PDB file of N, CA and C in Angstrom:
ATOM      1  N   MET A   1       1.270  -1.734  -0.023  1.00  0.00           N
ATOM      2  CA  MET A   1       0.085  -0.292  -0.299  1.00  0.00           C
ATOM      3  C   MET A   1       0.833   1.260  -0.505  1.00  0.00           C
ATOM      4  N   LYS A   2       0.084   2.346  -0.363  1.00  0.00           N
ATOM      5  CA  LYS A   2       1.047   3.381   0.038  1.00  0.00           C
ATOM      6  C   LYS A   2       1.180   4.982   0.430  1.00  0.00           C
ATOM      7  N   ILE A   3       0.614   5.600   0.946  1.00  0.00           N
ATOM      8  CA  ILE A   3       1.082   6.375   2.320  1.00  0.00           C
ATOM      9  C   ILE A   3       2.634   7.514   2.078  1.00  0.00           C
ATOM     10  N   LYS A   4       1.909   8.440   2.922  1.00  0.00           N
ATOM     11  CA  LYS A   4       2.537   9.392   2.330  1.00  0.00           C
ATOM     12  C   LYS A   4       3.789   9.353   4.406  1.00  0.00           C
ATOM     13  N   VAL A   5       4.254   9.337   4.826  1.00  0.00           N
ATOM     14  CA  VAL A   5       4.946  10.190   5.751  1.00  0.00           C
ATOM     15  C   VAL A   5       6.039  10.337   5.526  1.00  0.00           C
ATOM     16  N   ASN A   6       5.901  12.078   6.541  1.00  0.00           N
ATOM     17  CA  ASN A   6       6.545  13.287   6.953  1.00  0.00           C
ATOM     18  C   ASN A   6       6.207  14.057   5.179  1.00  0.00           C
ATOM     19  N   GLY A   7       4.621  13.904   4.258  1.00  0.00           N
ATOM     20  CA  GLY A   7       5.570  14.369   3.102  1.00  0.00           C
ATOM     21  C   GLY A   7       5.987  13.645   2.226  1.00  0.00           C
ATOM     22  N   LYS A   8       6.236  12.746   2.618  1.00  0.00           N
ATOM     23  CA  LYS A   8       6.651  11.842   1.019  1.00  0.00           C
ATOM     24  C   LYS A   8       6.470  10.069   1.464  1.00  0.00           C
ATOM     25  N   ASP A   9       6.372   9.815  -0.149  1.00  0.00           N
ATOM     26  CA  ASP A   9       5.508   8.989  -0.351  1.00  0.00           C
ATOM     27  C   ASP A   9       6.702   7.020   0.409  1.00  0.00           C
ATOM     28  N   GLN A  10       5.682   6.725   0.674  1.00  0.00           N
ATOM     29  CA  GLN A  10       5.974   5.283   1.556  1.00  0.00           C
ATOM     30  C   GLN A  10       5.384   4.179   0.952  1.00  0.00           C
ATOM     31  N   GLU A  11       5.960   3.334   0.198  1.00  0.00           N
ATOM     32  CA  GLU A  11       5.608   1.916  -0.309  1.00  0.00           C
ATOM     33  C   GLU A  11       5.773   0.887   1.608  1.00  0.00           C
ATOM     34  N   VAL A  12       5.145   0.101   1.641  1.00  0.00           N
ATOM     35  CA  VAL A  12       4.114  -0.755   2.926  1.00  0.00           C
ATOM     36  C   VAL A  12       3.715  -1.662   2.212  1.00  0.00           C
ATOM     37  N   LYS A  13       4.940  -3.354   2.936  1.00  0.00           N
ATOM     38  CA  LYS A  13       3.901  -4.457   1.716  1.00  0.00           C
ATOM     39  C   LYS A  13       2.598  -4.806   2.917  1.00  0.00           C
ATOM     40  N   LYS A  14       2.540  -4.460   3.666  1.00  0.00           N
ATOM     41  CA  LYS A  14       1.269  -4.525   4.072  1.00  0.00           C
ATOM     42  C   LYS A  14      -0.309  -3.875   3.392  1.00  0.00           C
ATOM     43  N   THR A  15      -1.644  -4.139   3.501  1.00  0.00           N
ATOM     44  CA  THR A  15      -2.223  -3.484   3.443  1.00  0.00           C
ATOM     45  C   THR A  15      -2.981  -2.735   4.845  1.00  0.00           C
ATOM     46  N   SER A  16      -2.358  -2.837   6.065  1.00  0.00           N
ATOM     47  CA  SER A  16      -2.676  -2.125   6.537  1.00  0.00           C
ATOM     48  C   SER A  16      -1.429  -2.579   8.050  1.00  0.00           C
ATOM     49  N   ILE A  17      -1.119  -1.671   8.971  1.00  0.00           N
ATOM     50  CA  ILE A  17       0.088  -1.200   9.708  1.00  0.00           C
ATOM     51  C   ILE A  17      -0.075  -0.286  10.910  1.00  0.00           C
ATOM     52  N   SER A  18       0.044  -1.146  12.457  1.00  0.00           N
ATOM     53  CA  SER A  18      -0.167   0.131  13.300  1.00  0.00           C
ATOM     54  C   SER A  18       0.792   1.149  13.374  1.00  0.00           C
ATOM     55  N   VAL A  19       0.008   2.103  13.775  1.00  0.00           N
ATOM     56  CA  VAL A  19       1.181   3.227  13.731  1.00  0.00           C
ATOM     57  C   VAL A  19       3.106   2.803  14.878  1.00  0.00           C
ATOM     58  N   TYR A  20       2.756   1.833  15.825  1.00  0.00           N
ATOM     59  CA  TYR A  20       4.194   1.308  16.208  1.00  0.00           C
ATOM     60  C   TYR A  20       4.820   1.024  15.561  1.00  0.00           C
ATOM     61  N   GLU A  21       4.315  -0.376  14.909  1.00  0.00           N
ATOM     62  CA  GLU A  21       5.065  -0.831  13.655  1.00  0.00           C
ATOM     63  C   GLU A  21       5.869  -0.469  12.541  1.00  0.00           C
ATOM     64  N   LEU A  22       4.726   0.764  12.201  1.00  0.00           N
ATOM     65  CA  LEU A  22       5.400   2.050  10.736  1.00  0.00           C
ATOM     66  C   LEU A  22       6.943   3.012  12.156  1.00  0.00           C
ATOM     67  N   LEU A  23       6.605   3.325  12.905  1.00  0.00           N
ATOM     68  CA  LEU A  23       7.794   3.732  13.501  1.00  0.00           C
ATOM     69  C   LEU A  23       8.709   2.596  13.632  1.00  0.00           C
ATOM     70  N   SER A  24       8.231   1.692  14.584  1.00  0.00           N
ATOM     71  CA  SER A  24       9.795   1.178  13.697  1.00  0.00           C
ATOM     72  C   SER A  24      10.528   0.465  12.894  1.00  0.00           C
ATOM     73  N   GLU A  25       9.271   0.122  11.464  1.00  0.00           N
ATOM     74  CA  GLU A  25       9.643   0.529  10.181  1.00  0.00           C
ATOM     75  C   GLU A  25      11.036   0.591   9.653  1.00  0.00           C
ATOM     76  N   ASN A  26      10.119   2.424  10.492  1.00  0.00           N
ATOM     77  CA  ASN A  26      10.986   3.703  10.089  1.00  0.00           C
ATOM     78  C   ASN A  26      12.569   3.914  10.524  1.00  0.00           C
ATOM     79  N   LYS A  27      11.822   3.053  11.951  1.00  0.00           N
ATOM     80  CA  LYS A  27      14.128   2.827  12.664  1.00  0.00           C
ATOM     81  C   LYS A  27      13.968   4.521  13.882  1.00  0.00           C
ATOM     82  N   VAL A  28      12.792   4.391  13.745  1.00  0.00           N
ATOM     83  CA  VAL A  28      12.665   5.479  15.090  1.00  0.00           C
ATOM     84  C   VAL A  28      12.849   4.991  16.686  1.00  0.00           C
ATOM     85  N   GLN A  29      14.036   5.491  16.829  1.00  0.00           N
ATOM     86  CA  GLN A  29      14.092   4.312  18.762  1.00  0.00           C
ATOM     87  C   GLN A  29      13.973   5.419  18.945  1.00  0.00           C
ATOM     88  N   ARG A  30      13.664   6.249  19.794  1.00  0.00           N
ATOM     89  CA  ARG A  30      12.908   6.835  21.245  1.00  0.00           C
ATOM     90  C   ARG A  30      11.647   6.882  20.663  1.00  0.00           C
ATOM     91  N   ILE A  31      10.646   6.110  20.596  1.00  0.00           N
ATOM     92  CA  ILE A  31       9.587   5.910  20.098  1.00  0.00           C
ATOM     93  C   ILE A  31       8.125   6.965  21.853  1.00  0.00           C
ATOM     94  N   ASP A  32       8.859   6.217  23.003  1.00  0.00           N
ATOM     95  CA  ASP A  32       8.716   8.068  23.629  1.00  0.00           C
ATOM     96  C   ASP A  32       8.629   9.013  23.351  1.00  0.00           C
ATOM     97  N   MET A  33       9.435   9.549  22.068  1.00  0.00           N
ATOM     98  CA  MET A  33       9.931  10.694  22.497  1.00  0.00           C
ATOM     99  C   MET A  33       9.403  11.240  21.450  1.00  0.00           C
ATOM    100  N   VAL A  34       8.566  11.148  20.569  1.00  0.00           N
ATOM    101  CA  VAL A  34       7.584  11.537  18.904  1.00  0.00           C
ATOM    102  C   VAL A  34       6.580  11.589  19.641  1.00  0.00           C
ATOM    103  N   SER A  35       5.823  12.278  18.833  1.00  0.00           N
ATOM    104  CA  SER A  35       4.459  12.409  18.304  1.00  0.00           C
ATOM    105  C   SER A  35       3.992  12.312  17.552  1.00  0.00           C
ATOM    106  N   VAL A  36       2.780  12.080  16.457  1.00  0.00           N
ATOM    107  CA  VAL A  36       2.213  10.738  15.423  1.00  0.00           C
ATOM    108  C   VAL A  36       0.979  11.474  14.902  1.00  0.00           C
ATOM    109  N   GLN A  37       0.885  12.639  14.107  1.00  0.00           N
ATOM    110  CA  GLN A  37      -0.516  12.775  13.373  1.00  0.00           C
ATOM    111  C   GLN A  37      -0.626  11.741  12.272  1.00  0.00           C
ATOM    112  N   LEU A  38      -2.111  11.410  11.993  1.00  0.00           N
ATOM    113  CA  LEU A  38      -2.586  10.468  11.253  1.00  0.00           C
ATOM    114  C   LEU A  38      -3.679  11.025  10.211  1.00  0.00           C
ATOM    115  N   ASN A  39      -3.185  11.817   9.417  1.00  0.00           N
ATOM    116  CA  ASN A  39      -4.412  12.496   8.551  1.00  0.00           C
ATOM    117  C   ASN A  39      -4.630  13.220   9.296  1.00  0.00           C
ATOM    118  N   GLU A  40      -3.682  14.562  10.474  1.00  0.00           N
ATOM    119  CA  GLU A  40      -4.059  16.187  10.755  1.00  0.00           C
ATOM    120  C   GLU A  40      -4.483  15.738  11.919  1.00  0.00           C
ATOM    121  N   LYS A  41      -5.067  15.013  12.719  1.00  0.00           N
ATOM    122  CA  LYS A  41      -4.543  13.966  13.944  1.00  0.00           C
ATOM    123  C   LYS A  41      -4.428  13.656  14.775  1.00  0.00           C
ATOM    124  N   PHE A  42      -3.848  14.530  15.873  1.00  0.00           N
ATOM    125  CA  PHE A  42      -2.772  13.775  16.874  1.00  0.00           C
ATOM    126  C   PHE A  42      -3.423  12.027  17.168  1.00  0.00           C
ATOM    127  N   ILE A  43      -2.810  11.273  17.346  1.00  0.00           N
ATOM    128  CA  ILE A  43      -2.635   9.852  18.242  1.00  0.00           C
ATOM    129  C   ILE A  43      -1.661   9.669  19.125  1.00  0.00           C
ATOM    130  N   ARG A  44      -2.854   8.708  20.455  1.00  0.00           N
ATOM    131  CA  ARG A  44      -2.274   9.491  21.416  1.00  0.00           C
ATOM    132  C   ARG A  44      -1.057   7.761  21.338  1.00  0.00           C
ATOM    133  N   LYS A  45      -0.672   7.860  22.762  1.00  0.00           N
ATOM    134  CA  LYS A  45       1.202   6.902  22.370  1.00  0.00           C
ATOM    135  C   LYS A  45       0.478   5.763  22.741  1.00  0.00           C
ATOM    136  N   GLU A  46      -0.535   6.089  23.601  1.00  0.00           N
ATOM    137  CA  GLU A  46      -0.731   4.085  24.044  1.00  0.00           C
ATOM    138  C   GLU A  46      -1.735   4.177  23.283  1.00  0.00           C
ATOM    139  N   ASP A  47      -2.459   4.529  22.165  1.00  0.00           N
ATOM    140  CA  ASP A  47      -2.733   3.716  21.450  1.00  0.00           C
ATOM    141  C   ASP A  47      -2.040   3.565  19.809  1.00  0.00           C
ATOM    142  N   PHE A  48      -1.061   3.821  19.823  1.00  0.00           N
ATOM    143  CA  PHE A  48       0.187   3.616  18.863  1.00  0.00           C
ATOM    144  C   PHE A  48      -0.333   1.886  18.426  1.00  0.00           C
ATOM    145  N   GLN A  49      -0.407   0.946  19.570  1.00  0.00           N
ATOM    146  CA  GLN A  49      -0.337  -0.633  19.039  1.00  0.00           C
ATOM    147  C   GLN A  49      -1.703  -1.019  18.836  1.00  0.00           C
ATOM    148  N   THR A  50      -2.499  -0.142  18.513  1.00  0.00           N
ATOM    149  CA  THR A  50      -3.636  -0.515  17.844  1.00  0.00           C
ATOM    150  C   THR A  50      -4.354   0.555  17.014  1.00  0.00           C
ATOM    151  N   VAL A  51      -4.329   1.585  17.155  1.00  0.00           N
ATOM    152  CA  VAL A  51      -4.214   2.915  15.590  1.00  0.00           C
ATOM    153  C   VAL A  51      -2.914   2.544  14.302  1.00  0.00           C
ATOM    154  N   LEU A  52      -4.076   1.813  13.073  1.00  0.00           N
ATOM    155  CA  LEU A  52      -3.819   1.177  11.924  1.00  0.00           C
ATOM    156  C   LEU A  52      -3.622   2.395  10.439  1.00  0.00           C
ATOM    157  N   VAL A  53      -2.717   2.519   9.707  1.00  0.00           N
ATOM    158  CA  VAL A  53      -2.709   3.206   8.909  1.00  0.00           C
ATOM    159  C   VAL A  53      -3.175   2.686   7.550  1.00  0.00           C
ATOM    160  N   LYS A  54      -4.222   3.159   6.950  1.00  0.00           N
ATOM    161  CA  LYS A  54      -3.494   2.319   5.628  1.00  0.00           C
ATOM    162  C   LYS A  54      -4.037   3.191   4.552  1.00  0.00           C
ATOM    163  N   GLU A  55      -4.151   3.084   3.217  1.00  0.00           N
ATOM    164  CA  GLU A  55      -3.839   2.863   2.082  1.00  0.00           C
ATOM    165  C   GLU A  55      -4.568   4.217   1.957  1.00  0.00           C
ATOM    166  N   ASN A  56      -3.100   4.939   1.242  1.00  0.00           N
ATOM    167  CA  ASN A  56      -3.326   6.793   1.056  1.00  0.00           C
ATOM    168  C   ASN A  56      -3.198   7.781   2.209  1.00  0.00           C
ATOM    169  N   ASP A  57      -3.423   7.471   3.481  1.00  0.00           N
ATOM    170  CA  ASP A  57      -3.319   7.605   4.662  1.00  0.00           C
ATOM    171  C   ASP A  57      -1.940   9.076   4.431  1.00  0.00           C
ATOM    172  N   GLU A  58      -1.811   9.496   5.055  1.00  0.00           N
ATOM    173  CA  GLU A  58      -0.960  10.639   5.851  1.00  0.00           C
ATOM    174  C   GLU A  58      -0.391  10.792   7.387  1.00  0.00           C
ATOM    175  N   VAL A  59       1.177  10.529   7.168  1.00  0.00           N
ATOM    176  CA  VAL A  59       1.470  10.351   8.870  1.00  0.00           C
ATOM    177  C   VAL A  59       2.603  11.287   9.347  1.00  0.00           C
ATOM    178  N   ASP A  60       2.446  12.150  10.399  1.00  0.00           N
ATOM    179  CA  ASP A  60       3.841  12.445   9.877  1.00  0.00           C
ATOM    180  C   ASP A  60       4.160  12.458  12.007  1.00  0.00           C
ATOM    181  N   PHE A  61       5.284  11.958  11.789  1.00  0.00           N
ATOM    182  CA  PHE A  61       6.263  11.878  12.916  1.00  0.00           C
ATOM    183  C   PHE A  61       6.791  13.165  13.751  1.00  0.00           C
ATOM    184  N   LEU A  62       7.036  13.403  15.047  1.00  0.00           N
ATOM    185  CA  LEU A  62       6.408  14.928  15.141  1.00  0.00           C
ATOM    186  C   LEU A  62       7.969  14.978  16.223  1.00  0.00           C
ATOM    187  N   PHE A  63       9.218  14.618  16.036  1.00  0.00           N
ATOM    188  CA  PHE A  63      10.009  14.714  17.020  1.00  0.00           C
ATOM    189  C   PHE A  63      10.800  15.777  18.043  1.00  0.00           C
ATOM    190  N   PHE A  64      10.039  16.116  19.535  1.00  0.00           N
ATOM    191  CA  PHE A  64      10.151  17.766  19.790  1.00  0.00           C
ATOM    192  C   PHE A  64      12.118  17.407  20.231  1.00  0.00           C
ATOM    193  N   MET A  65      12.844  18.611  19.920  1.00  0.00           N
ATOM    194  CA  MET A  65      14.120  18.881  20.723  1.00  0.00           C
ATOM    195  C   MET A  65      14.303  19.407  21.102  1.00  0.00           C
ATOM    196  N   GLY A  66      15.202  19.549  22.663  1.00  0.00           N
ATOM    197  CA  GLY A  66      15.783  20.229  23.564  1.00  0.00           C
ATOM    198  C   GLY A  66      17.112  21.234  22.720  1.00  0.00           C
ATOM    199  N   GLY A  67      17.058  21.823  24.132  1.00  0.00           N
ATOM    200  CA  GLY A  67      18.193  22.664  23.730  1.00  0.00           C
ATOM    201  C   GLY A  67      18.701  24.036  23.714  1.00  0.00           C
ATOM    202  N   GLY A  68      19.559  24.896  22.946  1.00  0.00           N
ATOM    203  CA  GLY A  68      19.369  25.862  23.153  1.00  0.00           C
ATOM    204  C   GLY A  68      19.676  27.062  24.323  1.00  0.00           C
ATOM    205  N   LYS A  69      19.255  28.383  23.835  1.00  0.00           N
ATOM    206  CA  LYS A  69      19.964  29.163  24.972  1.00  0.00           C
ATOM    207  C   LYS A  69      19.157  30.489  25.036  1.00  0.00           C
ATOM    208  N   TYR A  70      18.553  30.887  26.267  1.00  0.00           N
ATOM    209  CA  TYR A  70      17.971  32.320  25.755  1.00  0.00           C
ATOM    210  C   TYR A  70      18.878  33.264  26.822  1.00  0.00           C
ATOM    211  N   SER A  71      18.785  34.306  26.394  1.00  0.00           N
ATOM    212  CA  SER A  71      19.335  35.204  27.264  1.00  0.00           C
ATOM    213  C   SER A  71      18.985  36.629  27.432  1.00  0.00           C
ATOM    214  N   ASN A  72      18.534  36.859  28.180  1.00  0.00           N
ATOM    215  CA  ASN A  72      18.206  38.651  28.086  1.00  0.00           C
ATOM    216  C   ASN A  72      19.593  39.806  28.155  1.00  0.00           C
ATOM    217  N   SER A  73      20.374  38.826  28.215  1.00  0.00           N
ATOM    218  CA  SER A  73      21.732  39.856  28.120  1.00  0.00           C
ATOM    219  C   SER A  73      22.546  40.368  26.835  1.00  0.00           C
ATOM    220  N   ASP A  74      23.098  40.767  26.141  1.00  0.00           N
ATOM    221  CA  ASP A  74      23.975  40.889  25.443  1.00  0.00           C
ATOM    222  C   ASP A  74      24.913  40.528  25.282  1.00  0.00           C
ATOM    223  N   GLU A  75      25.496  39.319  25.763  1.00  0.00           N
ATOM    224  CA  GLU A  75      26.768  38.675  25.874  1.00  0.00           C
ATOM    225  C   GLU A  75      27.772  38.961  24.647  1.00  0.00           C
TER     226      GLU A  75
END
């Protein structure tokens, strides 16, 4: 089946795949640190194993990055 992952076409050999399986196939290592949108709707982490991705679905993996520095001073 054909789906879009982060805006790019992706071919999956199954007719449906769980969000969790899709994350694993895409080698996402810190699944606990990623948010997933399926057709523009956020999926709860506790539902990753039961929500299925189907033909023509659009999936976005959103990774939150920490770091950076904020300062009010002119250093």
